[in-house]
Amino acid sequence: MLLKVSEYTQAKLENPLFQRYLPARKLKFLAEKVEELQKRGMSRREAMTQASTMANDFYGGVEKVLRDRTGQNVLKAIALAPDWFESRMRLAGKAAQIRSWS
């Protein structure tokens, strides 16, 4: 019974959210930021690089293939959603940097 509930939840809630909606939102955000940065005078390459960083920081989904497996496992044990947690920590760090510049 619990397995069926889990499968249903994954099929009806998790998959549409994490495999369709959020990636689509991230891509839309990226495209909007690239356009905005280019209007401010950045080259397409610079705009893509900066917009990609912004999208990864805000939406998560950072590629982890080249990361240390032990570090990934520790973060999974500490945080319920490690990818989301990492993106929040990046945003907090950048906000702290901006405040220190003021």
PDB file of N, CA and C in Angstrom:
ATOM      1  N   MET A   1       0.827  -1.194   0.000  1.00  0.00           N
ATOM      2  CA  MET A   1       0.000   0.000   0.000  1.00  0.00           C
ATOM      3  C   MET A   1       0.874   1.262   0.000  1.00  0.00           C
ATOM      4  N   LEU A   2       1.857   1.297   0.895  1.00  0.00           N
ATOM      5  CA  LEU A   2       2.734   2.459   0.979  1.00  0.00           C
ATOM      6  C   LEU A   2       3.521   2.653  -0.316  1.00  0.00           C
ATOM      7  N   LEU A   3       3.926   1.559  -0.924  1.00  0.00           N
ATOM      8  CA  LEU A   3       4.653   1.627  -2.191  1.00  0.00           C
ATOM      9  C   LEU A   3       3.773   2.225  -3.286  1.00  0.00           C
ATOM     10  N   LYS A   4       2.499   1.847  -3.316  1.00  0.00           N
ATOM     11  CA  LYS A   4       1.579   2.384  -4.320  1.00  0.00           C
ATOM     12  C   LYS A   4       1.360   3.885  -4.117  1.00  0.00           C
ATOM     13  N   VAL A   5       1.247   4.309  -2.868  1.00  0.00           N
ATOM     14  CA  VAL A   5       1.088   5.733  -2.570  1.00  0.00           C
ATOM     15  C   VAL A   5       2.333   6.490  -3.009  1.00  0.00           C
ATOM     16  N   SER A   6       3.498   5.929  -2.722  1.00  0.00           N
ATOM     17  CA  SER A   6       4.758   6.554  -3.114  1.00  0.00           C
ATOM     18  C   SER A   6       4.876   6.660  -4.631  1.00  0.00           C
ATOM     19  N   GLU A   7       4.517   5.590  -5.337  1.00  0.00           N
ATOM     20  CA  GLU A   7       4.568   5.603  -6.802  1.00  0.00           C
ATOM     21  C   GLU A   7       3.594   6.625  -7.370  1.00  0.00           C
ATOM     22  N   TYR A   8       2.393   6.704  -6.793  1.00  0.00           N
ATOM     23  CA  TYR A   8       1.395   7.670  -7.242  1.00  0.00           C
ATOM     24  C   TYR A   8       1.886   9.096  -7.016  1.00  0.00           C
ATOM     25  N   THR A   9       2.424   9.347  -5.829  1.00  0.00           N
ATOM     26  CA  THR A   9       2.936  10.678  -5.505  1.00  0.00           C
ATOM     27  C   THR A   9       4.049  11.073  -6.456  1.00  0.00           C
ATOM     28  N   GLN A  10       4.932  10.151  -6.737  1.00  0.00           N
ATOM     29  CA  GLN A  10       6.025  10.448  -7.648  1.00  0.00           C
ATOM     30  C   GLN A  10       5.500  10.728  -9.055  1.00  0.00           C
ATOM     31  N   ALA A  11       4.592   9.921  -9.528  1.00  0.00           N
ATOM     32  CA  ALA A  11       4.074  10.068 -10.891  1.00  0.00           C
ATOM     33  C   ALA A  11       3.230  11.326 -11.059  1.00  0.00           C
ATOM     34  N   LYS A  12       2.432  11.660 -10.059  1.00  0.00           N
ATOM     35  CA  LYS A  12       1.490  12.768 -10.193  1.00  0.00           C
ATOM     36  C   LYS A  12       2.000  14.104  -9.662  1.00  0.00           C
ATOM     37  N   LEU A  13       2.945  14.074  -8.728  1.00  0.00           N
ATOM     38  CA  LEU A  13       3.415  15.322  -8.123  1.00  0.00           C
ATOM     39  C   LEU A  13       4.895  15.594  -8.394  1.00  0.00           C
ATOM     40  N   GLU A  14       5.740  14.666  -7.984  1.00  0.00           N
ATOM     41  CA  GLU A  14       7.177  14.906  -8.067  1.00  0.00           C
ATOM     42  C   GLU A  14       7.685  14.999  -9.497  1.00  0.00           C
ATOM     43  N   ASN A  15       7.333  14.040 -10.336  1.00  0.00           N
ATOM     44  CA  ASN A  15       7.830  14.066 -11.716  1.00  0.00           C
ATOM     45  C   ASN A  15       7.393  15.310 -12.477  1.00  0.00           C
ATOM     46  N   PRO A  16       6.107  15.666 -12.442  1.00  0.00           N
ATOM     47  CA  PRO A  16       5.728  16.896 -13.155  1.00  0.00           C
ATOM     48  C   PRO A  16       6.433  18.140 -12.612  1.00  0.00           C
ATOM     49  N   LEU A  17       6.625  18.203 -11.314  1.00  0.00           N
ATOM     50  CA  LEU A  17       7.273  19.370 -10.723  1.00  0.00           C
ATOM     51  C   LEU A  17       8.763  19.418 -11.030  1.00  0.00           C
ATOM     52  N   PHE A  18       9.466  18.340 -10.722  1.00  0.00           N
ATOM     53  CA  PHE A  18      10.928  18.357 -10.818  1.00  0.00           C
ATOM     54  C   PHE A  18      11.474  18.004 -12.196  1.00  0.00           C
ATOM     55  N   GLN A  19      10.702  17.339 -13.021  1.00  0.00           N
ATOM     56  CA  GLN A  19      11.195  16.967 -14.347  1.00  0.00           C
ATOM     57  C   GLN A  19      10.628  17.843 -15.453  1.00  0.00           C
ATOM     58  N   ARG A  20       9.544  18.572 -15.176  1.00  0.00           N
ATOM     59  CA  ARG A  20       8.965  19.422 -16.219  1.00  0.00           C
ATOM     60  C   ARG A  20       8.900  20.890 -15.810  1.00  0.00           C
ATOM     61  N   TYR A  21       8.127  21.179 -14.767  1.00  0.00           N
ATOM     62  CA  TYR A  21       7.845  22.569 -14.422  1.00  0.00           C
ATOM     63  C   TYR A  21       9.107  23.351 -14.039  1.00  0.00           C
ATOM     64  N   LEU A  22       9.862  22.864 -13.056  1.00  0.00           N
ATOM     65  CA  LEU A  22      11.033  23.620 -12.611  1.00  0.00           C
ATOM     66  C   LEU A  22      12.103  23.766 -13.690  1.00  0.00           C
ATOM     67  N   PRO A  23      12.422  22.719 -14.456  1.00  0.00           N
ATOM     68  CA  PRO A  23      13.375  22.929 -15.557  1.00  0.00           C
ATOM     69  C   PRO A  23      12.876  23.954 -16.581  1.00  0.00           C
ATOM     70  N   ALA A  24      11.571  23.947 -16.858  1.00  0.00           N
ATOM     71  CA  ALA A  24      11.011  24.922 -17.805  1.00  0.00           C
ATOM     72  C   ALA A  24      11.111  26.341 -17.250  1.00  0.00           C
ATOM     73  N   ARG A  25      10.828  26.505 -15.961  1.00  0.00           N
ATOM     74  CA  ARG A  25      10.938  27.836 -15.319  1.00  0.00           C
ATOM     75  C   ARG A  25      12.386  28.320 -15.333  1.00  0.00           C
ATOM     76  N   LYS A  26      13.306  27.401 -15.052  1.00  0.00           N
ATOM     77  CA  LYS A  26      14.726  27.755 -15.041  1.00  0.00           C
ATOM     78  C   LYS A  26      15.169  28.202 -16.426  1.00  0.00           C
ATOM     79  N   LEU A  27      14.742  27.506 -17.455  1.00  0.00           N
ATOM     80  CA  LEU A  27      15.094  27.871 -18.823  1.00  0.00           C
ATOM     81  C   LEU A  27      14.497  29.218 -19.214  1.00  0.00           C
ATOM     82  N   LYS A  28      13.252  29.455 -18.816  1.00  0.00           N
ATOM     83  CA  LYS A  28      12.621  30.751 -19.098  1.00  0.00           C
ATOM     84  C   LYS A  28      13.365  31.876 -18.384  1.00  0.00           C
ATOM     85  N   PHE A  29      13.711  31.654 -17.125  1.00  0.00           N
ATOM     86  CA  PHE A  29      14.472  32.630 -16.346  1.00  0.00           C
ATOM     87  C   PHE A  29      15.799  32.929 -17.040  1.00  0.00           C
ATOM     88  N   LEU A  30      16.483  31.870 -17.472  1.00  0.00           N
ATOM     89  CA  LEU A  30      17.771  32.015 -18.156  1.00  0.00           C
ATOM     90  C   LEU A  30      17.624  32.860 -19.418  1.00  0.00           C
ATOM     91  N   ALA A  31      16.638  32.551 -20.241  1.00  0.00           N
ATOM     92  CA  ALA A  31      16.433  33.296 -21.490  1.00  0.00           C
ATOM     93  C   ALA A  31      16.128  34.760 -21.214  1.00  0.00           C
ATOM     94  N   GLU A  32      15.294  35.024 -20.215  1.00  0.00           N
ATOM     95  CA  GLU A  32      14.954  36.415 -19.868  1.00  0.00           C
ATOM     96  C   GLU A  32      16.178  37.174 -19.381  1.00  0.00           C
ATOM     97  N   LYS A  33      16.995  36.529 -18.557  1.00  0.00           N
ATOM     98  CA  LYS A  33      18.191  37.192 -18.027  1.00  0.00           C
ATOM     99  C   LYS A  33      19.226  37.449 -19.117  1.00  0.00           C
ATOM    100  N   VAL A  34      19.390  36.499 -20.037  1.00  0.00           N
ATOM    101  CA  VAL A  34      20.330  36.701 -21.141  1.00  0.00           C
ATOM    102  C   VAL A  34      19.907  37.920 -21.953  1.00  0.00           C
ATOM    103  N   GLU A  35      18.630  37.988 -22.272  1.00  0.00           N
ATOM    104  CA  GLU A  35      18.119  39.126 -23.041  1.00  0.00           C
ATOM    105  C   GLU A  35      18.326  40.436 -22.282  1.00  0.00           C
ATOM    106  N   GLU A  36      18.020  40.429 -21.001  1.00  0.00           N
ATOM    107  CA  GLU A  36      18.178  41.627 -20.165  1.00  0.00           C
ATOM    108  C   GLU A  36      19.642  42.073 -20.099  1.00  0.00           C
ATOM    109  N   LEU A  37      20.549  41.139 -19.901  1.00  0.00           N
ATOM    110  CA  LEU A  37      21.969  41.472 -19.795  1.00  0.00           C
ATOM    111  C   LEU A  37      22.538  41.950 -21.130  1.00  0.00           C
ATOM    112  N   GLN A  38      22.061  41.385 -22.226  1.00  0.00           N
ATOM    113  CA  GLN A  38      22.520  41.847 -23.536  1.00  0.00           C
ATOM    114  C   GLN A  38      22.040  43.271 -23.814  1.00  0.00           C
ATOM    115  N   LYS A  39      20.845  43.597 -23.374  1.00  0.00           N
ATOM    116  CA  LYS A  39      20.330  44.959 -23.541  1.00  0.00           C
ATOM    117  C   LYS A  39      21.170  45.956 -22.753  1.00  0.00           C
ATOM    118  N   ARG A  40      21.786  45.488 -21.678  1.00  0.00           N
ATOM    119  CA  ARG A  40      22.664  46.349 -20.871  1.00  0.00           C
ATOM    120  C   ARG A  40      24.062  46.462 -21.461  1.00  0.00           C
ATOM    121  N   GLY A  41      24.307  45.768 -22.581  1.00  0.00           N
ATOM    122  CA  GLY A  41      25.589  45.905 -23.261  1.00  0.00           C
ATOM    123  C   GLY A  41      26.546  44.734 -23.147  1.00  0.00           C
ATOM    124  N   MET A  42      26.149  43.666 -22.502  1.00  0.00           N
ATOM    125  CA  MET A  42      27.024  42.499 -22.391  1.00  0.00           C
ATOM    126  C   MET A  42      27.024  41.716 -23.694  1.00  0.00           C
ATOM    127  N   SER A  43      28.144  41.063 -23.966  1.00  0.00           N
ATOM    128  CA  SER A  43      28.182  40.161 -25.121  1.00  0.00           C
ATOM    129  C   SER A  43      27.293  38.960 -24.811  1.00  0.00           C
ATOM    130  N   ARG A  44      26.901  38.241 -25.845  1.00  0.00           N
ATOM    131  CA  ARG A  44      26.041  37.068 -25.637  1.00  0.00           C
ATOM    132  C   ARG A  44      26.728  36.039 -24.745  1.00  0.00           C
ATOM    133  N   ARG A  45      28.013  35.828 -24.962  1.00  0.00           N
ATOM    134  CA  ARG A  45      28.760  34.851 -24.165  1.00  0.00           C
ATOM    135  C   ARG A  45      28.797  35.246 -22.686  1.00  0.00           C
ATOM    136  N   GLU A  46      29.113  36.515 -22.406  1.00  0.00           N
ATOM    137  CA  GLU A  46      29.143  37.001 -21.016  1.00  0.00           C
ATOM    138  C   GLU A  46      27.753  36.901 -20.392  1.00  0.00           C
ATOM    139  N   ALA A  47      26.744  37.280 -21.170  1.00  0.00           N
ATOM    140  CA  ALA A  47      25.370  37.239 -20.662  1.00  0.00           C
ATOM    141  C   ALA A  47      24.957  35.803 -20.340  1.00  0.00           C
ATOM    142  N   MET A  48      25.312  34.866 -21.214  1.00  0.00           N
ATOM    143  CA  MET A  48      24.972  33.462 -20.963  1.00  0.00           C
ATOM    144  C   MET A  48      25.670  32.942 -19.702  1.00  0.00           C
ATOM    145  N   THR A  49      26.936  33.296 -19.531  1.00  0.00           N
ATOM    146  CA  THR A  49      27.689  32.848 -18.353  1.00  0.00           C
ATOM    147  C   THR A  49      27.072  33.404 -17.083  1.00  0.00           C
ATOM    148  N   GLN A  50      26.812  34.698 -17.060  1.00  0.00           N
ATOM    149  CA  GLN A  50      26.261  35.316 -15.853  1.00  0.00           C
ATOM    150  C   GLN A  50      24.830  34.839 -15.596  1.00  0.00           C
ATOM    151  N   ALA A  51      24.027  34.746 -16.636  1.00  0.00           N
ATOM    152  CA  ALA A  51      22.643  34.293 -16.470  1.00  0.00           C
ATOM    153  C   ALA A  51      22.601  32.831 -16.011  1.00  0.00           C
ATOM    154  N   SER A  52      23.518  32.021 -16.486  1.00  0.00           N
ATOM    155  CA  SER A  52      23.575  30.616 -16.049  1.00  0.00           C
ATOM    156  C   SER A  52      23.888  30.526 -14.564  1.00  0.00           C
ATOM    157  N   THR A  53      24.830  31.330 -14.118  1.00  0.00           N
ATOM    158  CA  THR A  53      25.163  31.356 -12.688  1.00  0.00           C
ATOM    159  C   THR A  53      23.951  31.783 -11.868  1.00  0.00           C
ATOM    160  N   MET A  54      23.265  32.816 -12.340  1.00  0.00           N
ATOM    161  CA  MET A  54      22.078  33.296 -11.630  1.00  0.00           C
ATOM    162  C   MET A  54      20.998  32.220 -11.580  1.00  0.00           C
ATOM    163  N   ALA A  55      20.750  31.552 -12.697  1.00  0.00           N
ATOM    164  CA  ALA A  55      19.718  30.510 -12.751  1.00  0.00           C
ATOM    165  C   ALA A  55      20.080  29.339 -11.835  1.00  0.00           C
ATOM    166  N   ASN A  56      21.345  28.919 -11.846  1.00  0.00           N
ATOM    167  CA  ASN A  56      21.769  27.819 -10.977  1.00  0.00           C
ATOM    168  C   ASN A  56      21.678  28.198  -9.511  1.00  0.00           C
ATOM    169  N   ASP A  57      22.050  29.434  -9.181  1.00  0.00           N
ATOM    170  CA  ASP A  57      21.966  29.881  -7.792  1.00  0.00           C
ATOM    171  C   ASP A  57      20.521  29.933  -7.318  1.00  0.00           C
ATOM    172  N   PHE A  58      19.625  30.388  -8.181  1.00  0.00           N
ATOM    173  CA  PHE A  58      18.233  30.559  -7.767  1.00  0.00           C
ATOM    174  C   PHE A  58      17.432  29.267  -7.827  1.00  0.00           C
ATOM    175  N   TYR A  59      17.587  28.500  -8.895  1.00  0.00           N
ATOM    176  CA  TYR A  59      16.771  27.301  -9.092  1.00  0.00           C
ATOM    177  C   TYR A  59      17.458  26.007  -8.707  1.00  0.00           C
ATOM    178  N   GLY A  60      18.750  26.035  -8.460  1.00  0.00           N
ATOM    179  CA  GLY A  60      19.444  24.784  -8.158  1.00  0.00           C
ATOM    180  C   GLY A  60      19.670  24.001  -9.431  1.00  0.00           C
ATOM    181  N   GLY A  61      19.796  22.705  -9.307  1.00  0.00           N
ATOM    182  CA  GLY A  61      20.015  21.870 -10.478  1.00  0.00           C
ATOM    183  C   GLY A  61      21.437  21.936 -10.984  1.00  0.00           C
ATOM    184  N   VAL A  62      22.371  22.217 -10.083  1.00  0.00           N
ATOM    185  CA  VAL A  62      23.765  22.328 -10.455  1.00  0.00           C
ATOM    186  C   VAL A  62      24.319  20.942 -10.769  1.00  0.00           C
ATOM    187  N   GLU A  63      25.079  20.830 -11.833  1.00  0.00           N
ATOM    188  CA  GLU A  63      25.667  19.541 -12.237  1.00  0.00           C
ATOM    189  C   GLU A  63      26.631  19.058 -11.158  1.00  0.00           C
ATOM    190  N   LYS A  64      26.450  17.813 -10.720  1.00  0.00           N
ATOM    191  CA  LYS A  64      27.251  17.286  -9.618  1.00  0.00           C
ATOM    192  C   LYS A  64      28.174  16.139 -10.026  1.00  0.00           C
ATOM    193  N   VAL A  65      28.276  15.862 -11.301  1.00  0.00           N
ATOM    194  CA  VAL A  65      29.065  14.723 -11.771  1.00  0.00           C
ATOM    195  C   VAL A  65      30.512  14.812 -11.320  1.00  0.00           C
ATOM    196  N   LEU A  66      31.088  15.998 -11.338  1.00  0.00           N
ATOM    197  CA  LEU A  66      32.499  16.162 -11.005  1.00  0.00           C
ATOM    198  C   LEU A  66      32.750  16.430  -9.523  1.00  0.00           C
ATOM    199  N   ARG A  67      31.728  16.361  -8.717  1.00  0.00           N
ATOM    200  CA  ARG A  67      31.887  16.641  -7.292  1.00  0.00           C
ATOM    201  C   ARG A  67      32.232  15.389  -6.505  1.00  0.00           C
ATOM    202  N   ASP A  68      32.789  15.615  -5.332  1.00  0.00           N
ATOM    203  CA  ASP A  68      33.168  14.534  -4.431  1.00  0.00           C
ATOM    204  C   ASP A  68      31.930  13.791  -3.926  1.00  0.00           C
ATOM    205  N   ARG A  69      31.898  12.485  -4.098  1.00  0.00           N
ATOM    206  CA  ARG A  69      30.754  11.666  -3.715  1.00  0.00           C
ATOM    207  C   ARG A  69      30.505  11.717  -2.203  1.00  0.00           C
ATOM    208  N   THR A  70      31.563  11.713  -1.403  1.00  0.00           N
ATOM    209  CA  THR A  70      31.403  11.755   0.053  1.00  0.00           C
ATOM    210  C   THR A  70      30.731  13.054   0.480  1.00  0.00           C
ATOM    211  N   GLY A  71      31.185  14.158  -0.094  1.00  0.00           N
ATOM    212  CA  GLY A  71      30.575  15.453   0.218  1.00  0.00           C
ATOM    213  C   GLY A  71      29.099  15.482  -0.149  1.00  0.00           C
ATOM    214  N   GLN A  72      28.759  14.898  -1.279  1.00  0.00           N
ATOM    215  CA  GLN A  72      27.357  14.832  -1.704  1.00  0.00           C
ATOM    216  C   GLN A  72      26.532  14.030  -0.706  1.00  0.00           C
ATOM    217  N   ASN A  73      27.078  12.901  -0.256  1.00  0.00           N
ATOM    218  CA  ASN A  73      26.351  12.050   0.682  1.00  0.00           C
ATOM    219  C   ASN A  73      26.160  12.726   2.037  1.00  0.00           C
ATOM    220  N   VAL A  74      27.169  13.451   2.497  1.00  0.00           N
ATOM    221  CA  VAL A  74      27.047  14.172   3.771  1.00  0.00           C
ATOM    222  C   VAL A  74      25.958  15.230   3.658  1.00  0.00           C
ATOM    223  N   LEU A  75      25.956  15.973   2.562  1.00  0.00           N
ATOM    224  CA  LEU A  75      24.943  17.004   2.376  1.00  0.00           C
ATOM    225  C   LEU A  75      23.549  16.393   2.302  1.00  0.00           C
ATOM    226  N   LYS A  76      23.412  15.243   1.659  1.00  0.00           N
ATOM    227  CA  LYS A  76      22.112  14.560   1.592  1.00  0.00           C
ATOM    228  C   LYS A  76      21.636  14.144   2.976  1.00  0.00           C
ATOM    229  N   ALA A  77      22.569  13.755   3.829  1.00  0.00           N
ATOM    230  CA  ALA A  77      22.205  13.342   5.183  1.00  0.00           C
ATOM    231  C   ALA A  77      21.762  14.532   6.037  1.00  0.00           C
ATOM    232  N   ILE A  78      22.326  15.707   5.763  1.00  0.00           N
ATOM    233  CA  ILE A  78      22.026  16.900   6.561  1.00  0.00           C
ATOM    234  C   ILE A  78      20.776  17.613   6.057  1.00  0.00           C
ATOM    235  N   ALA A  79      20.664  17.755   4.768  1.00  0.00           N
ATOM    236  CA  ALA A  79      19.592  18.551   4.180  1.00  0.00           C
ATOM    237  C   ALA A  79      18.571  17.658   3.485  1.00  0.00           C
ATOM    238  N   LEU A  80      17.309  18.003   3.646  1.00  0.00           N
ATOM    239  CA  LEU A  80      16.236  17.245   3.012  1.00  0.00           C
ATOM    240  C   LEU A  80      16.336  17.335   1.488  1.00  0.00           C
ATOM    241  N   ALA A  81      16.607  18.515   0.973  1.00  0.00           N
ATOM    242  CA  ALA A  81      16.749  18.724  -0.472  1.00  0.00           C
ATOM    243  C   ALA A  81      18.098  19.393  -0.704  1.00  0.00           C
ATOM    244  N   PRO A  82      19.160  18.605  -0.825  1.00  0.00           N
ATOM    245  CA  PRO A  82      20.507  19.171  -0.874  1.00  0.00           C
ATOM    246  C   PRO A  82      20.739  20.153  -2.011  1.00  0.00           C
ATOM    247  N   ASP A  83      20.142  19.934  -3.155  1.00  0.00           N
ATOM    248  CA  ASP A  83      20.324  20.838  -4.277  1.00  0.00           C
ATOM    249  C   ASP A  83      19.718  22.206  -3.974  1.00  0.00           C
ATOM    250  N   TRP A  84      18.514  22.189  -3.417  1.00  0.00           N
ATOM    251  CA  TRP A  84      17.847  23.430  -3.040  1.00  0.00           C
ATOM    252  C   TRP A  84      18.636  24.119  -1.924  1.00  0.00           C
ATOM    253  N   PHE A  85      19.086  23.349  -0.941  1.00  0.00           N
ATOM    254  CA  PHE A  85      19.865  23.888   0.172  1.00  0.00           C
ATOM    255  C   PHE A  85      21.134  24.570  -0.339  1.00  0.00           C
ATOM    256  N   GLU A  86      21.824  23.925  -1.272  1.00  0.00           N
ATOM    257  CA  GLU A  86      23.047  24.512  -1.829  1.00  0.00           C
ATOM    258  C   GLU A  86      22.757  25.830  -2.539  1.00  0.00           C
ATOM    259  N   SER A  87      21.682  25.878  -3.303  1.00  0.00           N
ATOM    260  CA  SER A  87      21.368  27.115  -4.015  1.00  0.00           C
ATOM    261  C   SER A  87      21.017  28.227  -3.036  1.00  0.00           C
ATOM    262  N   ARG A  88      20.344  27.906  -1.937  1.00  0.00           N
ATOM    263  CA  ARG A  88      20.026  28.921  -0.915  1.00  0.00           C
ATOM    264  C   ARG A  88      21.306  29.431  -0.246  1.00  0.00           C
ATOM    265  N   MET A  89      22.251  28.534   0.009  1.00  0.00           N
ATOM    266  CA  MET A  89      23.513  28.940   0.627  1.00  0.00           C
ATOM    267  C   MET A  89      24.318  29.844  -0.315  1.00  0.00           C
ATOM    268  N   ARG A  90      24.282  29.543  -1.601  1.00  0.00           N
ATOM    269  CA  ARG A  90      24.961  30.404  -2.570  1.00  0.00           C
ATOM    270  C   ARG A  90      24.354  31.802  -2.582  1.00  0.00           C
ATOM    271  N   LEU A  91      23.021  31.857  -2.592  1.00  0.00           N
ATOM    272  CA  LEU A  91      22.350  33.162  -2.587  1.00  0.00           C
ATOM    273  C   LEU A  91      22.668  33.935  -1.306  1.00  0.00           C
ATOM    274  N   ALA A  92      22.678  33.245  -0.166  1.00  0.00           N
ATOM    275  CA  ALA A  92      22.988  33.900   1.101  1.00  0.00           C
ATOM    276  C   ALA A  92      24.416  34.441   1.088  1.00  0.00           C
ATOM    277  N   GLY A  93      25.351  33.663   0.559  1.00  0.00           N
ATOM    278  CA  GLY A  93      26.743  34.114   0.478  1.00  0.00           C
ATOM    279  C   GLY A  93      26.889  35.331  -0.414  1.00  0.00           C
ATOM    280  N   LYS A  94      26.200  35.327  -1.532  1.00  0.00           N
ATOM    281  CA  LYS A  94      26.270  36.478  -2.439  1.00  0.00           C
ATOM    282  C   LYS A  94      25.613  37.704  -1.818  1.00  0.00           C
ATOM    283  N   ALA A  95      24.525  37.507  -1.093  1.00  0.00           N
ATOM    284  CA  ALA A  95      23.878  38.630  -0.417  1.00  0.00           C
ATOM    285  C   ALA A  95      24.796  39.219   0.648  1.00  0.00           C
ATOM    286  N   ALA A  96      25.515  38.368   1.361  1.00  0.00           N
ATOM    287  CA  ALA A  96      26.455  38.844   2.379  1.00  0.00           C
ATOM    288  C   ALA A  96      27.588  39.640   1.735  1.00  0.00           C
ATOM    289  N   GLN A  97      28.064  39.191   0.581  1.00  0.00           N
ATOM    290  CA  GLN A  97      29.101  39.930  -0.132  1.00  0.00           C
ATOM    291  C   GLN A  97      28.615  41.308  -0.543  1.00  0.00           C
ATOM    292  N   ILE A  98      27.405  41.359  -1.062  1.00  0.00           N
ATOM    293  CA  ILE A  98      26.851  42.629  -1.518  1.00  0.00           C
ATOM    294  C   ILE A  98      26.714  43.592  -0.349  1.00  0.00           C
ATOM    295  N   ARG A  99      26.261  43.101   0.794  1.00  0.00           N
ATOM    296  CA  ARG A  99      26.116  43.953   1.986  1.00  0.00           C
ATOM    297  C   ARG A  99      27.473  44.484   2.456  1.00  0.00           C
ATOM    298  N   SER A 100      28.495  43.663   2.343  1.00  0.00           N
ATOM    299  CA  SER A 100      29.823  44.097   2.810  1.00  0.00           C
ATOM    300  C   SER A 100      30.419  45.151   1.883  1.00  0.00           C
ATOM    301  N   TRP A 101      29.947  45.207   0.622  1.00  0.00           N
ATOM    302  CA  TRP A 101      30.433  46.228  -0.295  1.00  0.00           C
ATOM    303  C   TRP A 101      29.814  47.594  -0.017  1.00  0.00           C
ATOM    304  N   SER A 102      28.649  47.576   0.642  1.00  0.00           N
ATOM    305  CA  SER A 102      27.920  48.833   0.883  1.00  0.00           C
ATOM    306  C   SER A 102      28.591  49.682   1.937  1.00  0.00           C
TER     307      SER A 102
END
